[in-house]
C-alpha cells in the first residue's frame, strides 16, 4: 500500500489516500475524488504531481495525462513516493509543467 498526499489547488488542507501500487490510474483518480468529495459531474482541469526536491519549490509540477490509454496504466509507473503530493486543479488555473507523465513515465 502506498500513502499519497493529495491536495486541491485552492486549498491548503492535505489528505492522505492509501492505494495499492499495482492498481491502475483510473482507480487511483476515483479514490482521490472520493477522498476530496469531488462529485462525478464536477469539473477537474488536471492532476499534477509535486515532488519533494531541494530547490525550494522552483521545480514546476508534472501533469498526469488522463486519457483512454493512460487510465489503464499501473499507478507504479508514476514513481510516486510518500514525499510526493498530488494536486487536483478544480479552478482551471494553468500551472507551469516541467514534464507530462503519459503512458509510462518521464
PDB file of N, CA and C in Angstrom:
ATOM      1  N   UNK A   1       0.840  -1.191   0.000  1.00  0.00           N
ATOM      2  CA  UNK A   1       0.000   0.000   0.000  1.00  0.00           C
ATOM      3  C   UNK A   1       0.878   1.245   0.000  1.00  0.00           C
ATOM      4  N   UNK A   2       0.433   2.219  -0.727  1.00  0.00           N
ATOM      5  CA  UNK A   2       1.141   3.480  -0.825  1.00  0.00           C
ATOM      6  C   UNK A   2       0.240   4.570  -0.269  1.00  0.00           C
ATOM      7  N   UNK A   3       0.753   5.384   0.633  1.00  0.00           N
ATOM      8  CA  UNK A   3       0.020   6.534   1.152  1.00  0.00           C
ATOM      9  C   UNK A   3       0.519   7.772   0.431  1.00  0.00           C
ATOM     10  N   UNK A   4      -0.376   8.432  -0.292  1.00  0.00           N
ATOM     11  CA  UNK A   4      -0.024   9.602  -1.090  1.00  0.00           C
ATOM     12  C   UNK A   4      -0.766  10.808  -0.547  1.00  0.00           C
ATOM     13  N   UNK A   5      -0.041  11.937  -0.432  1.00  0.00           N
ATOM     14  CA  UNK A   5      -0.677  13.185  -0.025  1.00  0.00           C
ATOM     15  C   UNK A   5      -1.415  13.767  -1.226  1.00  0.00           C
ATOM     16  N   UNK A   6      -2.643  14.218  -0.988  1.00  0.00           N
ATOM     17  CA  UNK A   6      -3.472  14.791  -2.048  1.00  0.00           C
ATOM     18  C   UNK A   6      -3.999  16.128  -1.566  1.00  0.00           C
ATOM     19  N   UNK A   7      -4.025  17.103  -2.471  1.00  0.00           N
ATOM     20  CA  UNK A   7      -4.455  18.448  -2.109  1.00  0.00           C
ATOM     21  C   UNK A   7      -5.176  19.078  -3.291  1.00  0.00           C
ATOM     22  N   UNK A   8      -6.192  19.888  -3.001  1.00  0.00           N
ATOM     23  CA  UNK A   8      -6.872  20.631  -4.065  1.00  0.00           C
ATOM     24  C   UNK A   8      -6.096  21.910  -4.326  1.00  0.00           C
ATOM     25  N   UNK A   9      -6.177  22.417  -5.550  1.00  0.00           N
ATOM     26  CA  UNK A   9      -5.384  23.577  -5.945  1.00  0.00           C
ATOM     27  C   UNK A   9      -5.745  24.833  -5.169  1.00  0.00           C
ATOM     28  N   UNK A  10      -6.974  24.928  -4.679  1.00  0.00           N
ATOM     29  CA  UNK A  10      -7.405  26.141  -3.985  1.00  0.00           C
ATOM     30  C   UNK A  10      -7.470  25.969  -2.470  1.00  0.00           C
ATOM     31  N   UNK A  11      -6.848  24.927  -1.940  1.00  0.00           N
ATOM     32  CA  UNK A  11      -6.950  24.635  -0.513  1.00  0.00           C
ATOM     33  C   UNK A  11      -5.591  24.196   0.008  1.00  0.00           C
ATOM     34  N   UNK A  12      -5.291  24.564   1.250  1.00  0.00           N
ATOM     35  CA  UNK A  12      -4.027  24.161   1.854  1.00  0.00           C
ATOM     36  C   UNK A  12      -4.125  22.834   2.589  1.00  0.00           C
ATOM     37  N   UNK A  13      -5.345  22.347   2.793  1.00  0.00           N
ATOM     38  CA  UNK A  13      -5.534  21.087   3.517  1.00  0.00           C
ATOM     39  C   UNK A  13      -5.010  19.925   2.671  1.00  0.00           C
ATOM     40  N   UNK A  14      -4.310  19.013   3.332  1.00  0.00           N
ATOM     41  CA  UNK A  14      -3.765  17.838   2.668  1.00  0.00           C
ATOM     42  C   UNK A  14      -4.440  16.596   3.215  1.00  0.00           C
ATOM     43  N   UNK A  15      -4.823  15.704   2.318  1.00  0.00           N
ATOM     44  CA  UNK A  15      -5.458  14.445   2.684  1.00  0.00           C
ATOM     45  C   UNK A  15      -4.531  13.305   2.292  1.00  0.00           C
ATOM     46  N   UNK A  16      -4.639  12.208   2.990  1.00  0.00           N
ATOM     47  CA  UNK A  16      -3.861  11.013   2.663  1.00  0.00           C
ATOM     48  C   UNK A  16      -4.771  10.013   1.948  1.00  0.00           C
ATOM     49  N   UNK A  17      -4.300   9.499   0.829  1.00  0.00           N
ATOM     50  CA  UNK A  17      -5.026   8.476   0.085  1.00  0.00           C
ATOM     51  C   UNK A  17      -4.156   7.227   0.067  1.00  0.00           C
ATOM     52  N   UNK A  18      -4.688   6.148   0.603  1.00  0.00           N
ATOM     53  CA  UNK A  18      -3.984   4.862   0.578  1.00  0.00           C
ATOM     54  C   UNK A  18      -4.394   4.132  -0.692  1.00  0.00           C
ATOM     55  N   UNK A  19      -3.397   3.625  -1.409  1.00  0.00           N
ATOM     56  CA  UNK A  19      -3.692   2.977  -2.678  1.00  0.00           C
ATOM     57  C   UNK A  19      -2.676   1.885  -2.950  1.00  0.00           C
ATOM     58  N   UNK A  20      -3.126   0.816  -3.581  1.00  0.00           N
ATOM     59  CA  UNK A  20      -2.262  -0.300  -3.952  1.00  0.00           C
ATOM     60  C   UNK A  20      -1.398   0.106  -5.148  1.00  0.00           C
ATOM     61  N   UNK A  21      -0.101  -0.084  -5.046  1.00  0.00           N
ATOM     62  CA  UNK A  21       0.828   0.292  -6.118  1.00  0.00           C
ATOM     63  C   UNK A  21       0.586  -0.470  -7.413  1.00  0.00           C
ATOM     64  N   UNK A  22      -0.142  -1.570  -7.348  1.00  0.00           N
ATOM     65  CA  UNK A  22      -0.420  -2.357  -8.548  1.00  0.00           C
ATOM     66  C   UNK A  22      -1.736  -1.959  -9.204  1.00  0.00           C
ATOM     67  N   UNK A  23      -2.462  -1.006  -8.620  1.00  0.00           N
ATOM     68  CA  UNK A  23      -3.723  -0.554  -9.184  1.00  0.00           C
ATOM     69  C   UNK A  23      -3.496   0.336 -10.395  1.00  0.00           C
ATOM     70  N   UNK A  24      -4.575   0.646 -11.113  1.00  0.00           N
ATOM     71  CA  UNK A  24      -4.425   1.485 -12.303  1.00  0.00           C
ATOM     72  C   UNK A  24      -4.772   2.945 -12.004  1.00  0.00           C
ATOM     73  N   UNK A  25      -4.466   3.811 -12.958  1.00  0.00           N
ATOM     74  CA  UNK A  25      -4.655   5.246 -12.786  1.00  0.00           C
ATOM     75  C   UNK A  25      -6.124   5.606 -12.597  1.00  0.00           C
ATOM     76  N   UNK A  26      -7.028   4.934 -13.299  1.00  0.00           N
ATOM     77  CA  UNK A  26      -8.459   5.228 -13.171  1.00  0.00           C
ATOM     78  C   UNK A  26      -8.942   4.992 -11.745  1.00  0.00           C
ATOM     79  N   UNK A  27      -8.539   3.884 -11.142  1.00  0.00           N
ATOM     80  CA  UNK A  27      -8.939   3.599  -9.763  1.00  0.00           C
ATOM     81  C   UNK A  27      -8.314   4.589  -8.787  1.00  0.00           C
ATOM     82  N   UNK A  28      -7.072   4.992  -9.044  1.00  0.00           N
ATOM     83  CA  UNK A  28      -6.397   5.974  -8.196  1.00  0.00           C
ATOM     84  C   UNK A  28      -7.132   7.311  -8.231  1.00  0.00           C
ATOM     85  N   UNK A  29      -7.517   7.759  -9.420  1.00  0.00           N
ATOM     86  CA  UNK A  29      -8.252   9.019  -9.557  1.00  0.00           C
ATOM     87  C   UNK A  29      -9.614   8.913  -8.881  1.00  0.00           C
ATOM     88  N   UNK A  30     -10.259   7.779  -9.007  1.00  0.00           N
ATOM     89  CA  UNK A  30     -11.545   7.568  -8.335  1.00  0.00           C
ATOM     90  C   UNK A  30     -11.389   7.711  -6.817  1.00  0.00           C
ATOM     91  N   UNK A  31     -10.318   7.142  -6.261  1.00  0.00           N
ATOM     92  CA  UNK A  31     -10.069   7.247  -4.817  1.00  0.00           C
ATOM     93  C   UNK A  31      -9.761   8.686  -4.406  1.00  0.00           C
ATOM     94  N   UNK A  32      -9.017   9.401  -5.237  1.00  0.00           N
ATOM     95  CA  UNK A  32      -8.716  10.809  -4.953  1.00  0.00           C
ATOM     96  C   UNK A  32     -10.003  11.618  -4.922  1.00  0.00           C
ATOM     97  N   UNK A  33     -10.844  11.444  -5.924  1.00  0.00           N
ATOM     98  CA  UNK A  33     -12.102  12.198  -5.988  1.00  0.00           C
ATOM     99  C   UNK A  33     -13.010  11.856  -4.812  1.00  0.00           C
ATOM    100  N   UNK A  34     -13.019  10.588  -4.404  1.00  0.00           N
ATOM    101  CA  UNK A  34     -13.838  10.178  -3.261  1.00  0.00           C
ATOM    102  C   UNK A  34     -13.330  10.836  -1.975  1.00  0.00           C
ATOM    103  N   UNK A  35     -12.023  10.835  -1.777  1.00  0.00           N
ATOM    104  CA  UNK A  35     -11.435  11.412  -0.565  1.00  0.00           C
ATOM    105  C   UNK A  35     -11.658  12.922  -0.490  1.00  0.00           C
ATOM    106  N   UNK A  36     -11.562  13.605  -1.627  1.00  0.00           N
ATOM    107  CA  UNK A  36     -11.739  15.062  -1.663  1.00  0.00           C
ATOM    108  C   UNK A  36     -13.197  15.473  -1.829  1.00  0.00           C
ATOM    109  N   UNK A  37     -14.093  14.494  -1.918  1.00  0.00           N
ATOM    110  CA  UNK A  37     -15.527  14.734  -2.085  1.00  0.00           C
ATOM    111  C   UNK A  37     -15.822  15.551  -3.346  1.00  0.00           C
ATOM    112  N   UNK A  38     -15.195  15.150  -4.448  1.00  0.00           N
ATOM    113  CA  UNK A  38     -15.446  15.756  -5.754  1.00  0.00           C
ATOM    114  C   UNK A  38     -16.488  14.887  -6.441  1.00  0.00           C
ATOM    115  N   UNK A  39     -17.620  15.465  -6.759  1.00  0.00           N
ATOM    116  CA  UNK A  39     -18.728  14.720  -7.350  1.00  0.00           C
ATOM    117  C   UNK A  39     -18.430  14.340  -8.800  1.00  0.00           C
ATOM    118  N   UNK A  40     -19.099  13.306  -9.325  1.00  0.00           N
ATOM    119  CA  UNK A  40     -18.817  12.837 -10.691  1.00  0.00           C
ATOM    120  C   UNK A  40     -18.982  13.907 -11.769  1.00  0.00           C
ATOM    121  N   UNK A  41     -19.902  14.832 -11.592  1.00  0.00           N
ATOM    122  CA  UNK A  41     -20.119  15.858 -12.612  1.00  0.00           C
ATOM    123  C   UNK A  41     -19.296  17.120 -12.381  1.00  0.00           C
ATOM    124  N   UNK A  42     -18.548  17.185 -11.279  1.00  0.00           N
ATOM    125  CA  UNK A  42     -17.686  18.339 -11.014  1.00  0.00           C
ATOM    126  C   UNK A  42     -16.472  18.289 -11.938  1.00  0.00           C
ATOM    127  N   UNK A  43     -16.120  19.443 -12.479  1.00  0.00           N
ATOM    128  CA  UNK A  43     -15.023  19.532 -13.438  1.00  0.00           C
ATOM    129  C   UNK A  43     -13.675  19.542 -12.724  1.00  0.00           C
ATOM    130  N   UNK A  44     -12.769  18.710 -13.202  1.00  0.00           N
ATOM    131  CA  UNK A  44     -11.376  18.726 -12.762  1.00  0.00           C
ATOM    132  C   UNK A  44     -10.543  19.048 -13.999  1.00  0.00           C
ATOM    133  N   UNK A  45      -9.721  20.083 -13.902  1.00  0.00           N
ATOM    134  CA  UNK A  45      -8.956  20.548 -15.055  1.00  0.00           C
ATOM    135  C   UNK A  45      -7.614  19.840 -15.213  1.00  0.00           C
ATOM    136  N   UNK A  46      -7.153  19.198 -14.163  1.00  0.00           N
ATOM    137  CA  UNK A  46      -5.887  18.480 -14.279  1.00  0.00           C
ATOM    138  C   UNK A  46      -5.430  17.902 -12.958  1.00  0.00           C
ATOM    139  N   UNK A  47      -4.543  16.939 -13.069  1.00  0.00           N
ATOM    140  CA  UNK A  47      -3.910  16.310 -11.914  1.00  0.00           C
ATOM    141  C   UNK A  47      -2.410  16.512 -12.074  1.00  0.00           C
ATOM    142  N   UNK A  48      -1.752  16.956 -11.019  1.00  0.00           N
ATOM    143  CA  UNK A  48      -0.331  17.273 -11.066  1.00  0.00           C
ATOM    144  C   UNK A  48       0.401  16.578  -9.928  1.00  0.00           C
ATOM    145  N   UNK A  49       1.644  16.228 -10.160  1.00  0.00           N
ATOM    146  CA  UNK A  49       2.484  15.630  -9.124  1.00  0.00           C
ATOM    147  C   UNK A  49       3.524  16.666  -8.712  1.00  0.00           C
ATOM    148  N   UNK A  50       3.556  16.965  -7.433  1.00  0.00           N
ATOM    149  CA  UNK A  50       4.575  17.854  -6.868  1.00  0.00           C
ATOM    150  C   UNK A  50       5.547  16.974  -6.098  1.00  0.00           C
ATOM    151  N   UNK A  51       6.754  16.901  -6.599  1.00  0.00           N
ATOM    152  CA  UNK A  51       7.771  16.068  -5.965  1.00  0.00           C
ATOM    153  C   UNK A  51       8.584  16.905  -4.982  1.00  0.00           C
ATOM    154  N   UNK A  52       8.964  16.301  -3.882  1.00  0.00           N
ATOM    155  CA  UNK A  52       9.761  16.975  -2.861  1.00  0.00           C
ATOM    156  C   UNK A  52      11.201  17.046  -3.355  1.00  0.00           C
ATOM    157  N   UNK A  53      11.674  18.267  -3.555  1.00  0.00           N
ATOM    158  CA  UNK A  53      13.045  18.453  -4.030  1.00  0.00           C
ATOM    159  C   UNK A  53      13.717  19.519  -3.181  1.00  0.00           C
ATOM    160  N   UNK A  54      14.999  19.661  -3.352  1.00  0.00           N
ATOM    161  CA  UNK A  54      15.780  20.600  -2.545  1.00  0.00           C
ATOM    162  C   UNK A  54      15.928  21.973  -3.192  1.00  0.00           C
ATOM    163  N   UNK A  55      15.131  22.293  -4.193  1.00  0.00           N
ATOM    164  CA  UNK A  55      15.300  23.574  -4.886  1.00  0.00           C
ATOM    165  C   UNK A  55      14.268  24.612  -4.457  1.00  0.00           C
ATOM    166  N   UNK A  56      13.705  24.466  -3.277  1.00  0.00           N
ATOM    167  CA  UNK A  56      12.786  25.448  -2.684  1.00  0.00           C
ATOM    168  C   UNK A  56      11.562  25.726  -3.539  1.00  0.00           C
ATOM    169  N   UNK A  57      10.987  24.709  -4.152  1.00  0.00           N
ATOM    170  CA  UNK A  57       9.739  24.857  -4.887  1.00  0.00           C
ATOM    171  C   UNK A  57       9.867  25.476  -6.259  1.00  0.00           C
ATOM    172  N   UNK A  58      11.061  25.555  -6.796  1.00  0.00           N
ATOM    173  CA  UNK A  58      11.242  26.169  -8.107  1.00  0.00           C
ATOM    174  C   UNK A  58      11.000  25.196  -9.258  1.00  0.00           C
ATOM    175  N   UNK A  59      10.911  23.914  -8.949  1.00  0.00           N
ATOM    176  CA  UNK A  59      10.642  22.922  -9.987  1.00  0.00           C
ATOM    177  C   UNK A  59       9.142  22.869 -10.246  1.00  0.00           C
ATOM    178  N   UNK A  60       8.723  23.043 -11.494  1.00  0.00           N
ATOM    179  CA  UNK A  60       7.282  23.001 -11.795  1.00  0.00           C
ATOM    180  C   UNK A  60       6.686  21.619 -11.538  1.00  0.00           C
ATOM    181  N   UNK A  61       5.388  21.618 -11.298  1.00  0.00           N
ATOM    182  CA  UNK A  61       4.672  20.361 -11.096  1.00  0.00           C
ATOM    183  C   UNK A  61       4.579  19.602 -12.413  1.00  0.00           C
ATOM    184  N   UNK A  62       4.487  18.286 -12.324  1.00  0.00           N
ATOM    185  CA  UNK A  62       4.360  17.438 -13.505  1.00  0.00           C
ATOM    186  C   UNK A  62       2.892  17.082 -13.695  1.00  0.00           C
ATOM    187  N   UNK A  63       2.381  17.257 -14.903  1.00  0.00           N
ATOM    188  CA  UNK A  63       0.987  16.938 -15.177  1.00  0.00           C
ATOM    189  C   UNK A  63       0.829  15.442 -15.433  1.00  0.00           C
ATOM    190  N   UNK A  64      -0.234  14.879 -14.878  1.00  0.00           N
ATOM    191  CA  UNK A  64      -0.584  13.486 -15.154  1.00  0.00           C
ATOM    192  C   UNK A  64      -1.593  13.506 -16.294  1.00  0.00           C
ATOM    193  N   UNK A  65      -1.238  12.939 -17.428  1.00  0.00           N
ATOM    194  CA  UNK A  65      -2.147  12.885 -18.566  1.00  0.00           C
ATOM    195  C   UNK A  65      -3.197  11.811 -18.320  1.00  0.00           C
ATOM    196  N   UNK A  66      -4.457  12.209 -18.453  1.00  0.00           N
ATOM    197  CA  UNK A  66      -5.563  11.275 -18.252  1.00  0.00           C
ATOM    198  C   UNK A  66      -6.306  11.153 -19.576  1.00  0.00           C
ATOM    199  N   UNK A  67      -6.122  10.012 -20.236  1.00  0.00           N
ATOM    200  CA  UNK A  67      -6.848   9.734 -21.473  1.00  0.00           C
ATOM    201  C   UNK A  67      -7.195   8.249 -21.516  1.00  0.00           C
ATOM    202  N   UNK A  68      -7.788   7.817 -22.606  1.00  0.00           N
ATOM    203  CA  UNK A  68      -8.298   6.443 -22.673  1.00  0.00           C
ATOM    204  C   UNK A  68      -7.209   5.381 -22.539  1.00  0.00           C
ATOM    205  N   UNK A  69      -6.005   5.680 -22.936  1.00  0.00           N
ATOM    206  CA  UNK A  69      -4.944   4.674 -22.807  1.00  0.00           C
ATOM    207  C   UNK A  69      -4.190   4.782 -21.484  1.00  0.00           C
ATOM    208  N   UNK A  70      -4.020   5.989 -20.965  1.00  0.00           N
ATOM    209  CA  UNK A  70      -3.239   6.144 -19.732  1.00  0.00           C
ATOM    210  C   UNK A  70      -3.995   5.688 -18.489  1.00  0.00           C
ATOM    211  N   UNK A  71      -5.326   5.693 -18.508  1.00  0.00           N
ATOM    212  CA  UNK A  71      -6.076   5.287 -17.316  1.00  0.00           C
ATOM    213  C   UNK A  71      -5.904   3.801 -17.009  1.00  0.00           C
ATOM    214  N   UNK A  72      -5.456   3.040 -17.977  1.00  0.00           N
ATOM    215  CA  UNK A  72      -5.248   1.603 -17.771  1.00  0.00           C
ATOM    216  C   UNK A  72      -3.852   1.288 -17.249  1.00  0.00           C
ATOM    217  N   UNK A  73      -2.976   2.277 -17.230  1.00  0.00           N
ATOM    218  CA  UNK A  73      -1.600   2.080 -16.788  1.00  0.00           C
ATOM    219  C   UNK A  73      -1.524   1.862 -15.285  1.00  0.00           C
ATOM    220  N   UNK A  74      -0.513   1.144 -14.870  1.00  0.00           N
ATOM    221  CA  UNK A  74      -0.283   0.870 -13.450  1.00  0.00           C
ATOM    222  C   UNK A  74       0.176   2.156 -12.757  1.00  0.00           C
ATOM    223  N   UNK A  75      -0.356   2.400 -11.579  1.00  0.00           N
ATOM    224  CA  UNK A  75      -0.005   3.608 -10.832  1.00  0.00           C
ATOM    225  C   UNK A  75       1.471   3.607 -10.444  1.00  0.00           C
ATOM    226  N   UNK A  76       2.082   2.432 -10.369  1.00  0.00           N
ATOM    227  CA  UNK A  76       3.501   2.331 -10.040  1.00  0.00           C
ATOM    228  C   UNK A  76       4.397   3.028 -11.049  1.00  0.00           C
ATOM    229  N   UNK A  77       3.914   3.196 -12.277  1.00  0.00           N
ATOM    230  CA  UNK A  77       4.698   3.850 -13.324  1.00  0.00           C
ATOM    231  C   UNK A  77       4.845   5.350 -13.102  1.00  0.00           C
ATOM    232  N   UNK A  78       4.061   5.919 -12.189  1.00  0.00           N
ATOM    233  CA  UNK A  78       4.174   7.351 -11.895  1.00  0.00           C
ATOM    234  C   UNK A  78       5.322   7.651 -10.935  1.00  0.00           C
ATOM    235  N   UNK A  79       5.917   6.606 -10.363  1.00  0.00           N
ATOM    236  CA  UNK A  79       7.028   6.756  -9.422  1.00  0.00           C
ATOM    237  C   UNK A  79       6.677   7.660  -8.247  1.00  0.00           C
ATOM    238  N   UNK A  80       5.488   7.473  -7.698  1.00  0.00           N
ATOM    239  CA  UNK A  80       5.071   8.252  -6.539  1.00  0.00           C
ATOM    240  C   UNK A  80       5.750   7.718  -5.290  1.00  0.00           C
ATOM    241  N   UNK A  81       6.108   8.627  -4.393  1.00  0.00           N
ATOM    242  CA  UNK A  81       6.675   8.258  -3.101  1.00  0.00           C
ATOM    243  C   UNK A  81       5.860   8.939  -2.015  1.00  0.00           C
ATOM    244  N   UNK A  82       6.201   8.658  -0.777  1.00  0.00           N
ATOM    245  CA  UNK A  82       5.497   9.279   0.344  1.00  0.00           C
ATOM    246  C   UNK A  82       5.745  10.783   0.398  1.00  0.00           C
ATOM    247  N   UNK A  83       6.810  11.267  -0.242  1.00  0.00           N
ATOM    248  CA  UNK A  83       7.125  12.695  -0.244  1.00  0.00           C
ATOM    249  C   UNK A  83       6.380  13.467  -1.331  1.00  0.00           C
ATOM    250  N   UNK A  84       5.771  12.775  -2.270  1.00  0.00           N
ATOM    251  CA  UNK A  84       5.049  13.424  -3.369  1.00  0.00           C
ATOM    252  C   UNK A  84       3.671  13.887  -2.910  1.00  0.00           C
ATOM    253  N   UNK A  85       3.186  14.943  -3.553  1.00  0.00           N
ATOM    254  CA  UNK A  85       1.827  15.421  -3.328  1.00  0.00           C
ATOM    255  C   UNK A  85       1.130  15.495  -4.678  1.00  0.00           C
ATOM    256  N   UNK A  86      -0.071  14.932  -4.758  1.00  0.00           N
ATOM    257  CA  UNK A  86      -0.872  15.025  -5.974  1.00  0.00           C
ATOM    258  C   UNK A  86      -1.795  16.223  -5.812  1.00  0.00           C
ATOM    259  N   UNK A  87      -1.709  17.168  -6.740  1.00  0.00           N
ATOM    260  CA  UNK A  87      -2.521  18.381  -6.719  1.00  0.00           C
ATOM    261  C   UNK A  87      -3.660  18.201  -7.714  1.00  0.00           C
ATOM    262  N   UNK A  88      -4.887  18.465  -7.264  1.00  0.00           N
ATOM    263  CA  UNK A  88      -6.065  18.361  -8.121  1.00  0.00           C
ATOM    264  C   UNK A  88      -6.512  19.781  -8.452  1.00  0.00           C
ATOM    265  N   UNK A  89      -6.454  20.154  -9.735  1.00  0.00           N
ATOM    266  CA  UNK A  89      -6.811  21.502 -10.173  1.00  0.00           C
ATOM    267  C   UNK A  89      -8.301  21.556 -10.496  1.00  0.00           C
ATOM    268  N   UNK A  90      -9.070  22.196  -9.631  1.00  0.00           N
ATOM    269  CA  UNK A  90     -10.506  22.348  -9.853  1.00  0.00           C
ATOM    270  C   UNK A  90     -10.865  23.768 -10.277  1.00  0.00           C
ATOM    271  N   UNK A  91      -9.864  24.636 -10.427  1.00  0.00           N
ATOM    272  CA  UNK A  91     -10.112  26.030 -10.798  1.00  0.00           C
ATOM    273  C   UNK A  91      -9.808  26.336 -12.253  1.00  0.00           C
ATOM    274  N   UNK A  92      -9.076  25.483 -12.919  1.00  0.00           N
ATOM    275  CA  UNK A  92      -8.705  25.743 -14.303  1.00  0.00           C
ATOM    276  C   UNK A  92      -7.530  26.679 -14.429  1.00  0.00           C
ATOM    277  N   UNK A  93      -6.765  26.815 -13.361  1.00  0.00           N
ATOM    278  CA  UNK A  93      -5.579  27.660 -13.402  1.00  0.00           C
ATOM    279  C   UNK A  93      -4.461  26.843 -14.025  1.00  0.00           C
ATOM    280  N   UNK A  94      -3.894  27.364 -15.089  1.00  0.00           N
ATOM    281  CA  UNK A  94      -2.839  26.634 -15.775  1.00  0.00           C
ATOM    282  C   UNK A  94      -1.560  26.750 -14.965  1.00  0.00           C
ATOM    283  N   UNK A  95      -0.990  25.606 -14.620  1.00  0.00           N
ATOM    284  CA  UNK A  95       0.265  25.578 -13.881  1.00  0.00           C
ATOM    285  C   UNK A  95       1.396  25.295 -14.856  1.00  0.00           C
ATOM    286  N   UNK A  96       2.552  25.914 -14.634  1.00  0.00           N
ATOM    287  CA  UNK A  96       3.687  25.550 -15.476  1.00  0.00           C
ATOM    288  C   UNK A  96       4.085  24.111 -15.203  1.00  0.00           C
ATOM    289  N   UNK A  97       4.441  23.397 -16.260  1.00  0.00           N
ATOM    290  CA  UNK A  97       4.768  21.986 -16.121  1.00  0.00           C
ATOM    291  C   UNK A  97       6.150  21.716 -16.690  1.00  0.00           C
ATOM    292  N   UNK A  98       6.932  20.954 -15.973  1.00  0.00           N
ATOM    293  CA  UNK A  98       8.246  20.559 -16.474  1.00  0.00           C
ATOM    294  C   UNK A  98       8.103  19.408 -17.451  1.00  0.00           C
ATOM    295  N   UNK A  99       7.226  18.504 -17.137  1.00  0.00           N
ATOM    296  CA  UNK A  99       7.061  17.316 -17.972  1.00  0.00           C
ATOM    297  C   UNK A  99       5.644  16.812 -17.819  1.00  0.00           C
ATOM    298  N   UNK A 100       5.210  16.088 -18.795  1.00  0.00           N
ATOM    299  CA  UNK A 100       3.909  15.450 -18.730  1.00  0.00           C
ATOM    300  C   UNK A 100       4.128  13.968 -18.538  1.00  0.00           C
ATOM    301  N   UNK A 101       3.441  13.407 -17.555  1.00  0.00           N
ATOM    302  CA  UNK A 101       3.540  11.976 -17.303  1.00  0.00           C
ATOM    303  C   UNK A 101       2.453  11.302 -18.122  1.00  0.00           C
ATOM    304  N   UNK A 102       2.868  10.589 -19.146  1.00  0.00           N
ATOM    305  CA  UNK A 102       1.885   9.936 -20.010  1.00  0.00           C
ATOM    306  C   UNK A 102       2.405   8.584 -20.449  1.00  0.00           C
ATOM    307  N   UNK A 103       1.542   7.631 -20.375  1.00  0.00           N
ATOM    308  CA  UNK A 103       1.832   6.306 -20.922  1.00  0.00           C
ATOM    309  C   UNK A 103       3.189   5.755 -20.512  1.00  0.00           C
ATOM    310  N   UNK A 104       3.440   5.761 -19.230  1.00  0.00           N
ATOM    311  CA  UNK A 104       4.606   5.025 -18.787  1.00  0.00           C
ATOM    312  C   UNK A 104       5.739   5.824 -18.213  1.00  0.00           C
ATOM    313  N   UNK A 105       5.574   7.084 -17.954  1.00  0.00           N
ATOM    314  CA  UNK A 105       6.622   7.752 -17.203  1.00  0.00           C
ATOM    315  C   UNK A 105       7.256   8.910 -17.912  1.00  0.00           C
ATOM    316  N   UNK A 106       8.330   9.329 -17.319  1.00  0.00           N
ATOM    317  CA  UNK A 106       9.024  10.533 -17.760  1.00  0.00           C
ATOM    318  C   UNK A 106       9.993  10.245 -18.865  1.00  0.00           C
TER     319      UNK A 106
END
